[in-house]
């Protein structure tokens, strides 16, 4: 079915409705019960999950293989490459896209040295 078909949106709504109800049930009941059951471990598990995420690729690599131990090895190799690629994807495309600095952040002191600490400035003189 094409997205231009007049029945497309009604069919999409028909498919989405049960999925939406299922998601709502998980969020309002299942996850609340799980959080209550794991209350003492929840923060530790969240930290552990965050650590694990740093070792896995951020994008799918179907050609890397799906069978251990190759899947694990390829994942460990691809993770840093994905992180670097993600940094470049977020990199501003033009100067207008770059984050704006406050006006005073661009000013240097009269001696032209960055204003890190007074001790460092004195040591450079």
PDB file of N, CA and C in Angstrom:
ATOM      1  N   UNK A   1       0.845  -1.171   0.000  1.00  0.00           N
ATOM      2  CA  UNK A   1       0.000   0.000   0.000  1.00  0.00           C
ATOM      3  C   UNK A   1       0.894   1.240   0.000  1.00  0.00           C
ATOM      4  N   UNK A   2       0.574   2.180  -0.827  1.00  0.00           N
ATOM      5  CA  UNK A   2       1.326   3.423  -0.948  1.00  0.00           C
ATOM      6  C   UNK A   2       0.835   4.428   0.091  1.00  0.00           C
ATOM      7  N   UNK A   3       1.711   5.340   0.477  1.00  0.00           N
ATOM      8  CA  UNK A   3       1.322   6.371   1.443  1.00  0.00           C
ATOM      9  C   UNK A   3       0.338   7.365   0.845  1.00  0.00           C
ATOM     10  N   UNK A   4       0.193   7.363  -0.458  1.00  0.00           N
ATOM     11  CA  UNK A   4      -0.778   8.246  -1.114  1.00  0.00           C
ATOM     12  C   UNK A   4      -2.154   7.595  -1.234  1.00  0.00           C
ATOM     13  N   UNK A   5      -2.240   6.327  -0.897  1.00  0.00           N
ATOM     14  CA  UNK A   5      -3.523   5.611  -0.960  1.00  0.00           C
ATOM     15  C   UNK A   5      -4.494   6.224   0.051  1.00  0.00           C
ATOM     16  N   UNK A   6      -5.756   6.448  -0.314  1.00  0.00           N
ATOM     17  CA  UNK A   6      -6.715   7.047   0.622  1.00  0.00           C
ATOM     18  C   UNK A   6      -6.960   6.194   1.872  1.00  0.00           C
ATOM     19  N   UNK A   7      -6.720   4.891   1.812  1.00  0.00           N
ATOM     20  CA  UNK A   7      -6.920   4.012   2.960  1.00  0.00           C
ATOM     21  C   UNK A   7      -5.685   3.912   3.848  1.00  0.00           C
ATOM     22  N   UNK A   8      -4.607   4.598   3.456  1.00  0.00           N
ATOM     23  CA  UNK A   8      -3.343   4.475   4.174  1.00  0.00           C
ATOM     24  C   UNK A   8      -3.464   4.945   5.633  1.00  0.00           C
ATOM     25  N   UNK A   9      -3.930   6.174   5.867  1.00  0.00           N
ATOM     26  CA  UNK A   9      -4.028   6.729   7.220  1.00  0.00           C
ATOM     27  C   UNK A   9      -5.000   5.918   8.081  1.00  0.00           C
ATOM     28  N   UNK A  10      -6.200   5.575   7.585  1.00  0.00           N
ATOM     29  CA  UNK A  10      -7.086   4.742   8.413  1.00  0.00           C
ATOM     30  C   UNK A  10      -6.454   3.398   8.778  1.00  0.00           C
ATOM     31  N   UNK A  11      -5.735   2.790   7.828  1.00  0.00           N
ATOM     32  CA  UNK A  11      -5.080   1.506   8.105  1.00  0.00           C
ATOM     33  C   UNK A  11      -3.972   1.688   9.134  1.00  0.00           C
ATOM     34  N   UNK A  12      -3.213   2.755   8.995  1.00  0.00           N
ATOM     35  CA  UNK A  12      -2.141   3.049   9.953  1.00  0.00           C
ATOM     36  C   UNK A  12      -2.717   3.246  11.356  1.00  0.00           C
ATOM     37  N   UNK A  13      -3.822   3.986  11.453  1.00  0.00           N
ATOM     38  CA  UNK A  13      -4.485   4.188  12.750  1.00  0.00           C
ATOM     39  C   UNK A  13      -4.998   2.868  13.322  1.00  0.00           C
ATOM     40  N   UNK A  14      -5.516   2.014  12.467  1.00  0.00           N
ATOM     41  CA  UNK A  14      -6.019   0.702  12.903  1.00  0.00           C
ATOM     42  C   UNK A  14      -4.888  -0.153  13.479  1.00  0.00           C
ATOM     43  N   UNK A  15      -3.740  -0.087  12.851  1.00  0.00           N
ATOM     44  CA  UNK A  15      -2.572  -0.853  13.316  1.00  0.00           C
ATOM     45  C   UNK A  15      -1.992  -0.223  14.581  1.00  0.00           C
ATOM     46  N   UNK A  16      -1.940   1.110  14.623  1.00  0.00           N
ATOM     47  CA  UNK A  16      -1.297   1.821  15.728  1.00  0.00           C
ATOM     48  C   UNK A  16      -2.082   1.749  17.031  1.00  0.00           C
ATOM     49  N   UNK A  17      -3.414   1.728  16.960  1.00  0.00           N
ATOM     50  CA  UNK A  17      -4.262   1.775  18.154  1.00  0.00           C
ATOM     51  C   UNK A  17      -3.914   0.673  19.168  1.00  0.00           C
ATOM     52  N   UNK A  18      -3.880  -0.615  18.765  1.00  0.00           N
ATOM     53  CA  UNK A  18      -3.529  -1.644  19.767  1.00  0.00           C
ATOM     54  C   UNK A  18      -2.103  -1.489  20.307  1.00  0.00           C
ATOM     55  N   UNK A  19      -1.190  -1.056  19.435  1.00  0.00           N
ATOM     56  CA  UNK A  19       0.184  -0.862  19.878  1.00  0.00           C
ATOM     57  C   UNK A  19       0.255   0.275  20.900  1.00  0.00           C
ATOM     58  N   UNK A  20      -0.467   1.346  20.634  1.00  0.00           N
ATOM     59  CA  UNK A  20      -0.491   2.481  21.555  1.00  0.00           C
ATOM     60  C   UNK A  20      -1.067   2.079  22.913  1.00  0.00           C
ATOM     61  N   UNK A  21      -2.142   1.289  22.903  1.00  0.00           N
ATOM     62  CA  UNK A  21      -2.728   0.802  24.160  1.00  0.00           C
ATOM     63  C   UNK A  21      -1.736  -0.076  24.923  1.00  0.00           C
ATOM     64  N   UNK A  22      -1.013  -0.905  24.193  1.00  0.00           N
ATOM     65  CA  UNK A  22      -0.028  -1.789  24.815  1.00  0.00           C
ATOM     66  C   UNK A  22       1.101  -0.965  25.464  1.00  0.00           C
ATOM     67  N   UNK A  23       1.593   0.018  24.751  1.00  0.00           N
ATOM     68  CA  UNK A  23       2.664   0.877  25.278  1.00  0.00           C
ATOM     69  C   UNK A  23       2.186   1.613  26.536  1.00  0.00           C
ATOM     70  N   UNK A  24       0.989   2.153  26.476  1.00  0.00           N
ATOM     71  CA  UNK A  24       0.435   2.876  27.629  1.00  0.00           C
ATOM     72  C   UNK A  24       0.320   1.962  28.851  1.00  0.00           C
ATOM     73  N   UNK A  25      -0.136   0.713  28.625  1.00  0.00           N
ATOM     74  CA  UNK A  25      -0.237  -0.252  29.718  1.00  0.00           C
ATOM     75  C   UNK A  25       1.114  -0.563  30.340  1.00  0.00           C
ATOM     76  N   UNK A  26       2.137  -0.713  29.485  1.00  0.00           N
ATOM     77  CA  UNK A  26       3.479  -0.972  30.011  1.00  0.00           C
ATOM     78  C   UNK A  26       3.980   0.203  30.843  1.00  0.00           C
ATOM     79  N   UNK A  27       3.782   1.419  30.332  1.00  0.00           N
ATOM     80  CA  UNK A  27       4.285   2.598  31.032  1.00  0.00           C
ATOM     81  C   UNK A  27       3.558   2.844  32.349  1.00  0.00           C
ATOM     82  N   UNK A  28       2.245   2.620  32.363  1.00  0.00           N
ATOM     83  CA  UNK A  28       1.463   2.954  33.560  1.00  0.00           C
ATOM     84  C   UNK A  28       1.397   1.830  34.585  1.00  0.00           C
ATOM     85  N   UNK A  29       1.579   0.573  34.166  1.00  0.00           N
ATOM     86  CA  UNK A  29       1.429  -0.539  35.098  1.00  0.00           C
ATOM     87  C   UNK A  29       2.711  -1.364  35.235  1.00  0.00           C
ATOM     88  N   UNK A  30       3.184  -1.904  34.118  1.00  0.00           N
ATOM     89  CA  UNK A  30       4.322  -2.826  34.167  1.00  0.00           C
ATOM     90  C   UNK A  30       5.591  -2.160  34.678  1.00  0.00           C
ATOM     91  N   UNK A  31       5.934  -1.004  34.116  1.00  0.00           N
ATOM     92  CA  UNK A  31       7.166  -0.341  34.534  1.00  0.00           C
ATOM     93  C   UNK A  31       7.087   0.172  35.974  1.00  0.00           C
ATOM     94  N   UNK A  32       5.908   0.598  36.399  1.00  0.00           N
ATOM     95  CA  UNK A  32       5.728   1.047  37.783  1.00  0.00           C
ATOM     96  C   UNK A  32       5.944  -0.128  38.737  1.00  0.00           C
ATOM     97  N   UNK A  33       5.380  -1.291  38.393  1.00  0.00           N
ATOM     98  CA  UNK A  33       5.559  -2.488  39.230  1.00  0.00           C
ATOM     99  C   UNK A  33       7.009  -2.937  39.247  1.00  0.00           C
ATOM    100  N   UNK A  34       7.656  -2.884  38.085  1.00  0.00           N
ATOM    101  CA  UNK A  34       9.059  -3.283  38.004  1.00  0.00           C
ATOM    102  C   UNK A  34       9.932  -2.359  38.843  1.00  0.00           C
ATOM    103  N   UNK A  35       9.696  -1.065  38.746  1.00  0.00           N
ATOM    104  CA  UNK A  35      10.475  -0.103  39.529  1.00  0.00           C
ATOM    105  C   UNK A  35      10.286  -0.343  41.030  1.00  0.00           C
ATOM    106  N   UNK A  36       9.064  -0.633  41.446  1.00  0.00           N
ATOM    107  CA  UNK A  36       8.800  -0.907  42.867  1.00  0.00           C
ATOM    108  C   UNK A  36       9.531  -2.168  43.317  1.00  0.00           C
ATOM    109  N   UNK A  37       9.558  -3.193  42.465  1.00  0.00           N
ATOM    110  CA  UNK A  37      10.218  -4.448  42.818  1.00  0.00           C
ATOM    111  C   UNK A  37      11.739  -4.296  42.847  1.00  0.00           C
ATOM    112  N   UNK A  38      12.282  -3.399  42.022  1.00  0.00           N
ATOM    113  CA  UNK A  38      13.734  -3.232  41.925  1.00  0.00           C
ATOM    114  C   UNK A  38      14.241  -1.988  42.645  1.00  0.00           C
ATOM    115  N   UNK A  39      13.411  -1.404  43.484  1.00  0.00           N
ATOM    116  CA  UNK A  39      13.725  -0.108  44.092  1.00  0.00           C
ATOM    117  C   UNK A  39      15.149  -0.033  44.638  1.00  0.00           C
ATOM    118  N   UNK A  40      15.582  -1.048  45.326  1.00  0.00           N
ATOM    119  CA  UNK A  40      16.917  -1.000  45.926  1.00  0.00           C
ATOM    120  C   UNK A  40      18.020  -1.153  44.886  1.00  0.00           C
ATOM    121  N   UNK A  41      17.736  -1.826  43.787  1.00  0.00           N
ATOM    122  CA  UNK A  41      18.756  -2.077  42.767  1.00  0.00           C
ATOM    123  C   UNK A  41      18.654  -1.152  41.569  1.00  0.00           C
ATOM    124  N   UNK A  42      17.605  -0.395  41.456  1.00  0.00           N
ATOM    125  CA  UNK A  42      17.299   0.352  40.245  1.00  0.00           C
ATOM    126  C   UNK A  42      18.430   1.290  39.817  1.00  0.00           C
ATOM    127  N   UNK A  43      18.958   2.073  40.743  1.00  0.00           N
ATOM    128  CA  UNK A  43      20.008   3.024  40.379  1.00  0.00           C
ATOM    129  C   UNK A  43      21.286   2.306  39.957  1.00  0.00           C
ATOM    130  N   UNK A  44      21.623   1.229  40.658  1.00  0.00           N
ATOM    131  CA  UNK A  44      22.810   0.450  40.296  1.00  0.00           C
ATOM    132  C   UNK A  44      22.636  -0.166  38.908  1.00  0.00           C
ATOM    133  N   UNK A  45      21.448  -0.697  38.613  1.00  0.00           N
ATOM    134  CA  UNK A  45      21.195  -1.286  37.297  1.00  0.00           C
ATOM    135  C   UNK A  45      21.248  -0.224  36.204  1.00  0.00           C
ATOM    136  N   UNK A  46      20.735   0.960  36.481  1.00  0.00           N
ATOM    137  CA  UNK A  46      20.778   2.047  35.499  1.00  0.00           C
ATOM    138  C   UNK A  46      22.223   2.446  35.208  1.00  0.00           C
ATOM    139  N   UNK A  47      23.047   2.523  36.235  1.00  0.00           N
ATOM    140  CA  UNK A  47      24.461   2.848  36.055  1.00  0.00           C
ATOM    141  C   UNK A  47      25.160   1.767  35.251  1.00  0.00           C
ATOM    142  N   UNK A  48      24.882   0.525  35.577  1.00  0.00           N
ATOM    143  CA  UNK A  48      25.479  -0.602  34.856  1.00  0.00           C
ATOM    144  C   UNK A  48      25.070  -0.595  33.383  1.00  0.00           C
ATOM    145  N   UNK A  49      23.799  -0.293  33.135  1.00  0.00           N
ATOM    146  CA  UNK A  49      23.311  -0.227  31.759  1.00  0.00           C
ATOM    147  C   UNK A  49      24.010   0.896  30.994  1.00  0.00           C
ATOM    148  N   UNK A  50      24.185   2.036  31.634  1.00  0.00           N
ATOM    149  CA  UNK A  50      24.883   3.153  31.002  1.00  0.00           C
ATOM    150  C   UNK A  50      26.317   2.792  30.655  1.00  0.00           C
ATOM    151  N   UNK A  51      26.986   2.077  31.540  1.00  0.00           N
ATOM    152  CA  UNK A  51      28.355   1.630  31.273  1.00  0.00           C
ATOM    153  C   UNK A  51      28.376   0.668  30.098  1.00  0.00           C
ATOM    154  N   UNK A  52      27.448  -0.268  30.067  1.00  0.00           N
ATOM    155  CA  UNK A  52      27.376  -1.240  28.977  1.00  0.00           C
ATOM    156  C   UNK A  52      27.151  -0.535  27.648  1.00  0.00           C
ATOM    157  N   UNK A  53      26.306   0.500  27.642  1.00  0.00           N
ATOM    158  CA  UNK A  53      26.025   1.226  26.403  1.00  0.00           C
ATOM    159  C   UNK A  53      27.286   1.836  25.804  1.00  0.00           C
ATOM    160  N   UNK A  54      28.272   2.178  26.639  1.00  0.00           N
ATOM    161  CA  UNK A  54      29.487   2.792  26.114  1.00  0.00           C
ATOM    162  C   UNK A  54      30.361   1.801  25.360  1.00  0.00           C
ATOM    163  N   UNK A  55      30.092   0.505  25.503  1.00  0.00           N
ATOM    164  CA  UNK A  55      30.892  -0.516  24.834  1.00  0.00           C
ATOM    165  C   UNK A  55      30.235  -1.095  23.590  1.00  0.00           C
ATOM    166  N   UNK A  56      29.035  -0.644  23.270  1.00  0.00           N
ATOM    167  CA  UNK A  56      28.328  -1.201  22.121  1.00  0.00           C
ATOM    168  C   UNK A  56      28.166  -0.126  21.051  1.00  0.00           C
ATOM    169  N   UNK A  57      28.076  -0.527  19.794  1.00  0.00           N
ATOM    170  CA  UNK A  57      27.901   0.449  18.717  1.00  0.00           C
ATOM    171  C   UNK A  57      26.597   1.220  18.876  1.00  0.00           C
ATOM    172  N   UNK A  58      26.583   2.443  18.392  1.00  0.00           N
ATOM    173  CA  UNK A  58      25.374   3.255  18.475  1.00  0.00           C
ATOM    174  C   UNK A  58      24.507   3.111  17.230  1.00  0.00           C
ATOM    175  N   UNK A  59      25.006   2.369  16.252  1.00  0.00           N
ATOM    176  CA  UNK A  59      24.270   2.146  15.009  1.00  0.00           C
ATOM    177  C   UNK A  59      24.315   0.664  14.661  1.00  0.00           C
ATOM    178  N   UNK A  60      23.378   0.269  13.823  1.00  0.00           N
ATOM    179  CA  UNK A  60      23.321  -1.131  13.410  1.00  0.00           C
ATOM    180  C   UNK A  60      24.383  -1.413  12.344  1.00  0.00           C
ATOM    181  N   UNK A  61      24.977  -2.588  12.423  1.00  0.00           N
ATOM    182  CA  UNK A  61      25.989  -3.032  11.459  1.00  0.00           C
ATOM    183  C   UNK A  61      25.651  -4.463  11.025  1.00  0.00           C
ATOM    184  N   UNK A  62      24.661  -4.609  10.138  1.00  0.00           N
ATOM    185  CA  UNK A  62      24.206  -5.949   9.773  1.00  0.00           C
ATOM    186  C   UNK A  62      25.284  -6.809   9.129  1.00  0.00           C
ATOM    187  N   UNK A  63      26.239  -6.190   8.470  1.00  0.00           N
ATOM    188  CA  UNK A  63      27.279  -6.989   7.814  1.00  0.00           C
ATOM    189  C   UNK A  63      28.352  -7.461   8.787  1.00  0.00           C
ATOM    190  N   UNK A  64      28.290  -7.026  10.033  1.00  0.00           N
ATOM    191  CA  UNK A  64      29.307  -7.392  11.022  1.00  0.00           C
ATOM    192  C   UNK A  64      29.134  -8.819  11.536  1.00  0.00           C
ATOM    193  N   UNK A  65      28.013  -9.440  11.285  1.00  0.00           N
ATOM    194  CA  UNK A  65      27.784 -10.797  11.757  1.00  0.00           C
ATOM    195  C   UNK A  65      26.915 -10.830  12.995  1.00  0.00           C
ATOM    196  N   UNK A  66      26.272 -11.970  13.188  1.00  0.00           N
ATOM    197  CA  UNK A  66      25.343 -12.105  14.311  1.00  0.00           C
ATOM    198  C   UNK A  66      25.687 -13.262  15.240  1.00  0.00           C
ATOM    199  N   UNK A  67      26.847 -13.841  15.070  1.00  0.00           N
ATOM    200  CA  UNK A  67      27.190 -15.028  15.851  1.00  0.00           C
ATOM    201  C   UNK A  67      28.353 -14.738  16.786  1.00  0.00           C
ATOM    202  N   UNK A  68      28.161 -15.049  18.080  1.00  0.00           N
ATOM    203  CA  UNK A  68      29.267 -14.893  19.030  1.00  0.00           C
ATOM    204  C   UNK A  68      30.410 -15.823  18.632  1.00  0.00           C
ATOM    205  N   UNK A  69      31.603 -15.503  18.898  1.00  0.00           N
ATOM    206  CA  UNK A  69      32.168 -14.320  19.540  1.00  0.00           C
ATOM    207  C   UNK A  69      32.415 -13.173  18.567  1.00  0.00           C
ATOM    208  N   UNK A  70      32.164 -13.400  17.262  1.00  0.00           N
ATOM    209  CA  UNK A  70      32.457 -12.361  16.274  1.00  0.00           C
ATOM    210  C   UNK A  70      31.590 -11.119  16.472  1.00  0.00           C
ATOM    211  N   UNK A  71      30.351 -11.317  16.869  1.00  0.00           N
ATOM    212  CA  UNK A  71      29.445 -10.201  17.102  1.00  0.00           C
ATOM    213  C   UNK A  71      30.001  -9.303  18.211  1.00  0.00           C
ATOM    214  N   UNK A  72      30.500  -9.899  19.275  1.00  0.00           N
ATOM    215  CA  UNK A  72      31.058  -9.140  20.396  1.00  0.00           C
ATOM    216  C   UNK A  72      32.320  -8.399  19.969  1.00  0.00           C
ATOM    217  N   UNK A  73      33.206  -9.090  19.275  1.00  0.00           N
ATOM    218  CA  UNK A  73      34.456  -8.471  18.839  1.00  0.00           C
ATOM    219  C   UNK A  73      34.199  -7.314  17.880  1.00  0.00           C
ATOM    220  N   UNK A  74      33.313  -7.516  16.933  1.00  0.00           N
ATOM    221  CA  UNK A  74      33.006  -6.451  15.974  1.00  0.00           C
ATOM    222  C   UNK A  74      32.332  -5.272  16.672  1.00  0.00           C
ATOM    223  N   UNK A  75      31.479  -5.562  17.644  1.00  0.00           N
ATOM    224  CA  UNK A  75      30.830  -4.494  18.396  1.00  0.00           C
ATOM    225  C   UNK A  75      31.833  -3.640  19.146  1.00  0.00           C
ATOM    226  N   UNK A  76      32.810  -4.287  19.778  1.00  0.00           N
ATOM    227  CA  UNK A  76      33.842  -3.550  20.515  1.00  0.00           C
ATOM    228  C   UNK A  76      34.698  -2.710  19.576  1.00  0.00           C
ATOM    229  N   UNK A  77      34.914  -3.203  18.353  1.00  0.00           N
ATOM    230  CA  UNK A  77      35.696  -2.446  17.382  1.00  0.00           C
ATOM    231  C   UNK A  77      34.897  -1.281  16.790  1.00  0.00           C
ATOM    232  N   UNK A  78      33.612  -1.485  16.591  1.00  0.00           N
ATOM    233  CA  UNK A  78      32.787  -0.473  15.937  1.00  0.00           C
ATOM    234  C   UNK A  78      32.336   0.640  16.891  1.00  0.00           C
ATOM    235  N   UNK A  79      32.240   0.362  18.187  1.00  0.00           N
ATOM    236  CA  UNK A  79      31.722   1.352  19.142  1.00  0.00           C
ATOM    237  C   UNK A  79      32.483   2.679  19.084  1.00  0.00           C
ATOM    238  N   UNK A  80      33.831   2.686  19.167  1.00  0.00           N
ATOM    239  CA  UNK A  80      34.511   3.988  19.126  1.00  0.00           C
ATOM    240  C   UNK A  80      34.363   4.682  17.769  1.00  0.00           C
ATOM    241  N   UNK A  81      34.293   3.912  16.709  1.00  0.00           N
ATOM    242  CA  UNK A  81      34.111   4.505  15.371  1.00  0.00           C
ATOM    243  C   UNK A  81      32.732   5.148  15.278  1.00  0.00           C
ATOM    244  N   UNK A  82      31.727   4.466  15.810  1.00  0.00           N
ATOM    245  CA  UNK A  82      30.374   5.034  15.822  1.00  0.00           C
ATOM    246  C   UNK A  82      30.326   6.313  16.642  1.00  0.00           C
ATOM    247  N   UNK A  83      30.992   6.342  17.797  1.00  0.00           N
ATOM    248  CA  UNK A  83      30.984   7.539  18.650  1.00  0.00           C
ATOM    249  C   UNK A  83      31.595   8.723  17.897  1.00  0.00           C
ATOM    250  N   UNK A  84      32.696   8.461  17.204  1.00  0.00           N
ATOM    251  CA  UNK A  84      33.350   9.519  16.436  1.00  0.00           C
ATOM    252  C   UNK A  84      32.435   9.994  15.301  1.00  0.00           C
ATOM    253  N   UNK A  85      31.810   9.055  14.601  1.00  0.00           N
ATOM    254  CA  UNK A  85      30.882   9.417  13.522  1.00  0.00           C
ATOM    255  C   UNK A  85      29.698  10.210  14.078  1.00  0.00           C
ATOM    256  N   UNK A  86      29.203   9.841  15.256  1.00  0.00           N
ATOM    257  CA  UNK A  86      28.093  10.577  15.876  1.00  0.00           C
ATOM    258  C   UNK A  86      28.500  12.010  16.195  1.00  0.00           C
ATOM    259  N   UNK A  87      29.746  12.200  16.640  1.00  0.00           N
ATOM    260  CA  UNK A  87      30.229  13.550  16.928  1.00  0.00           C
ATOM    261  C   UNK A  87      30.211  14.398  15.658  1.00  0.00           C
ATOM    262  N   UNK A  88      30.653  13.815  14.537  1.00  0.00           N
ATOM    263  CA  UNK A  88      30.672  14.566  13.289  1.00  0.00           C
ATOM    264  C   UNK A  88      29.270  14.799  12.740  1.00  0.00           C
ATOM    265  N   UNK A  89      28.346  13.901  13.003  1.00  0.00           N
ATOM    266  CA  UNK A  89      26.965  14.112  12.566  1.00  0.00           C
ATOM    267  C   UNK A  89      26.350  15.309  13.282  1.00  0.00           C
ATOM    268  N   UNK A  90      26.737  15.530  14.541  1.00  0.00           N
ATOM    269  CA  UNK A  90      26.209  16.656  15.313  1.00  0.00           C
ATOM    270  C   UNK A  90      27.002  17.937  15.074  1.00  0.00           C
ATOM    271  N   UNK A  91      28.137  17.843  14.391  1.00  0.00           N
ATOM    272  CA  UNK A  91      29.001  18.990  14.167  1.00  0.00           C
ATOM    273  C   UNK A  91      28.265  20.017  13.319  1.00  0.00           C
ATOM    274  N   UNK A  92      28.372  21.307  13.649  1.00  0.00           N
ATOM    275  CA  UNK A  92      27.650  22.330  12.883  1.00  0.00           C
ATOM    276  C   UNK A  92      28.057  22.317  11.413  1.00  0.00           C
ATOM    277  N   UNK A  93      27.081  22.465  10.530  1.00  0.00           N
ATOM    278  CA  UNK A  93      27.331  22.466   9.088  1.00  0.00           C
ATOM    279  C   UNK A  93      27.796  23.847   8.609  1.00  0.00           C
ATOM    280  N   UNK A  94      27.424  24.884   9.338  1.00  0.00           N
ATOM    281  CA  UNK A  94      27.828  26.240   8.967  1.00  0.00           C
ATOM    282  C   UNK A  94      28.038  27.039  10.254  1.00  0.00           C
ATOM    283  N   UNK A  95      28.706  28.199  10.134  1.00  0.00           N
ATOM    284  CA  UNK A  95      28.912  29.024  11.338  1.00  0.00           C
ATOM    285  C   UNK A  95      27.594  29.439  11.993  1.00  0.00           C
ATOM    286  N   UNK A  96      26.527  29.564  11.203  1.00  0.00           N
ATOM    287  CA  UNK A  96      25.235  29.942  11.773  1.00  0.00           C
ATOM    288  C   UNK A  96      24.661  28.853  12.670  1.00  0.00           C
ATOM    289  N   UNK A  97      25.047  27.581  12.430  1.00  0.00           N
ATOM    290  CA  UNK A  97      24.552  26.455  13.216  1.00  0.00           C
ATOM    291  C   UNK A  97      25.326  26.254  14.514  1.00  0.00           C
ATOM    292  N   UNK A  98      26.499  26.871  14.621  1.00  0.00           N
ATOM    293  CA  UNK A  98      27.354  26.678  15.793  1.00  0.00           C
ATOM    294  C   UNK A  98      26.720  27.320  17.019  1.00  0.00           C
ATOM    295  N   UNK A  99      26.968  26.752  18.217  1.00  0.00           N
ATOM    296  CA  UNK A  99      26.448  27.371  19.441  1.00  0.00           C
ATOM    297  C   UNK A  99      27.030  28.769  19.604  1.00  0.00           C
ATOM    298  N   UNK A 100      26.225  29.668  20.089  1.00  0.00           N
ATOM    299  CA  UNK A 100      26.658  31.057  20.268  1.00  0.00           C
ATOM    300  C   UNK A 100      27.310  31.232  21.637  1.00  0.00           C
ATOM    301  N   UNK A 101      28.444  31.927  21.643  1.00  0.00           N
ATOM    302  CA  UNK A 101      29.133  32.252  22.884  1.00  0.00           C
ATOM    303  C   UNK A 101      28.677  33.624  23.358  1.00  0.00           C
ATOM    304  N   UNK A 102      28.668  33.856  24.659  1.00  0.00           N
ATOM    305  CA  UNK A 102      28.357  35.205  25.140  1.00  0.00           C
ATOM    306  C   UNK A 102      29.405  36.178  24.614  1.00  0.00           C
ATOM    307  N   UNK A 103      29.042  37.423  24.415  1.00  0.00           N
ATOM    308  CA  UNK A 103      29.968  38.422  23.860  1.00  0.00           C
ATOM    309  C   UNK A 103      31.244  38.537  24.670  1.00  0.00           C
ATOM    310  N   UNK A 104      31.160  38.491  26.002  1.00  0.00           N
ATOM    311  CA  UNK A 104      32.351  38.645  26.826  1.00  0.00           C
ATOM    312  C   UNK A 104      33.262  37.424  26.767  1.00  0.00           C
ATOM    313  N   UNK A 105      32.791  36.297  26.273  1.00  0.00           N
ATOM    314  CA  UNK A 105      33.623  35.094  26.188  1.00  0.00           C
ATOM    315  C   UNK A 105      34.670  35.237  25.092  1.00  0.00           C
ATOM    316  N   UNK A 106      34.448  36.129  24.126  1.00  0.00           N
ATOM    317  CA  UNK A 106      35.383  36.299  23.016  1.00  0.00           C
ATOM    318  C   UNK A 106      36.470  37.332  23.340  1.00  0.00           C
ATOM    319  N   UNK A 107      36.309  38.091  24.404  1.00  0.00           N
ATOM    320  CA  UNK A 107      37.248  39.154  24.736  1.00  0.00           C
ATOM    321  C   UNK A 107      38.443  38.601  25.508  1.00  0.00           C
ATOM    322  N   UNK A 108      39.617  39.047  25.150  1.00  0.00           N
ATOM    323  CA  UNK A 108      40.831  38.698  25.887  1.00  0.00           C
ATOM    324  C   UNK A 108      41.210  39.865  26.782  1.00  0.00           C
ATOM    325  N   UNK A 109      41.903  39.598  27.869  1.00  0.00           N
ATOM    326  CA  UNK A 109      42.391  40.685  28.717  1.00  0.00           C
ATOM    327  C   UNK A 109      43.373  41.569  27.940  1.00  0.00           C
ATOM    328  N   UNK A 110      43.739  42.700  28.493  1.00  0.00           N
ATOM    329  CA  UNK A 110      44.610  43.667  27.827  1.00  0.00           C
ATOM    330  C   UNK A 110      45.945  43.054  27.412  1.00  0.00           C
ATOM    331  N   UNK A 111      46.450  42.079  28.198  1.00  0.00           N
ATOM    332  CA  UNK A 111      47.742  41.486  27.852  1.00  0.00           C
ATOM    333  C   UNK A 111      47.614  40.408  26.770  1.00  0.00           C
ATOM    334  N   UNK A 112      46.390  40.083  26.343  1.00  0.00           N
ATOM    335  CA  UNK A 112      46.182  39.132  25.258  1.00  0.00           C
ATOM    336  C   UNK A 112      46.240  37.676  25.662  1.00  0.00           C
ATOM    337  N   UNK A 113      46.437  37.394  26.951  1.00  0.00           N
ATOM    338  CA  UNK A 113      46.512  36.013  27.414  1.00  0.00           C
ATOM    339  C   UNK A 113      45.151  35.547  27.911  1.00  0.00           C
ATOM    340  N   UNK A 114      44.813  34.293  27.667  1.00  0.00           N
ATOM    341  CA  UNK A 114      43.530  33.788  28.184  1.00  0.00           C
ATOM    342  C   UNK A 114      43.461  33.939  29.688  1.00  0.00           C
ATOM    343  N   UNK A 115      42.290  34.234  30.194  1.00  0.00           N
ATOM    344  CA  UNK A 115      42.096  34.502  31.612  1.00  0.00           C
ATOM    345  C   UNK A 115      41.763  33.211  32.353  1.00  0.00           C
ATOM    346  N   UNK A 116      42.742  32.309  32.499  1.00  0.00           N
ATOM    347  CA  UNK A 116      42.504  31.034  33.185  1.00  0.00           C
ATOM    348  C   UNK A 116      42.497  31.264  34.687  1.00  0.00           C
ATOM    349  N   UNK A 117      43.647  31.572  35.232  1.00  0.00           N
ATOM    350  CA  UNK A 117      43.758  31.945  36.653  1.00  0.00           C
ATOM    351  C   UNK A 117      44.819  33.014  36.757  1.00  0.00           C
ATOM    352  N   UNK A 118      44.741  33.831  37.770  1.00  0.00           N
ATOM    353  CA  UNK A 118      45.725  34.895  37.928  1.00  0.00           C
ATOM    354  C   UNK A 118      47.128  34.345  38.081  1.00  0.00           C
ATOM    355  N   UNK A 119      47.262  33.191  38.766  1.00  0.00           N
ATOM    356  CA  UNK A 119      48.577  32.587  38.957  1.00  0.00           C
ATOM    357  C   UNK A 119      49.199  32.177  37.638  1.00  0.00           C
ATOM    358  N   UNK A 120      48.431  31.628  36.757  1.00  0.00           N
ATOM    359  CA  UNK A 120      48.970  31.212  35.451  1.00  0.00           C
ATOM    360  C   UNK A 120      49.348  32.435  34.629  1.00  0.00           C
ATOM    361  N   UNK A 121      48.553  33.490  34.692  1.00  0.00           N
ATOM    362  CA  UNK A 121      48.873  34.696  33.922  1.00  0.00           C
ATOM    363  C   UNK A 121      50.156  35.312  34.436  1.00  0.00           C
ATOM    364  N   UNK A 122      50.343  35.332  35.755  1.00  0.00           N
ATOM    365  CA  UNK A 122      51.558  35.904  36.317  1.00  0.00           C
ATOM    366  C   UNK A 122      52.773  35.079  35.933  1.00  0.00           C
ATOM    367  N   UNK A 123      52.621  33.760  35.867  1.00  0.00           N
ATOM    368  CA  UNK A 123      53.749  32.897  35.543  1.00  0.00           C
ATOM    369  C   UNK A 123      54.198  33.084  34.104  1.00  0.00           C
ATOM    370  N   UNK A 124      53.313  33.494  33.220  1.00  0.00           N
ATOM    371  CA  UNK A 124      53.666  33.668  31.801  1.00  0.00           C
ATOM    372  C   UNK A 124      54.369  35.000  31.543  1.00  0.00           C
ATOM    373  N   UNK A 125      54.253  35.937  32.421  1.00  0.00           N
ATOM    374  CA  UNK A 125      54.816  37.278  32.179  1.00  0.00           C
ATOM    375  C   UNK A 125      56.278  37.314  32.309  1.00  0.00           C
TER     376      UNK A 125
END
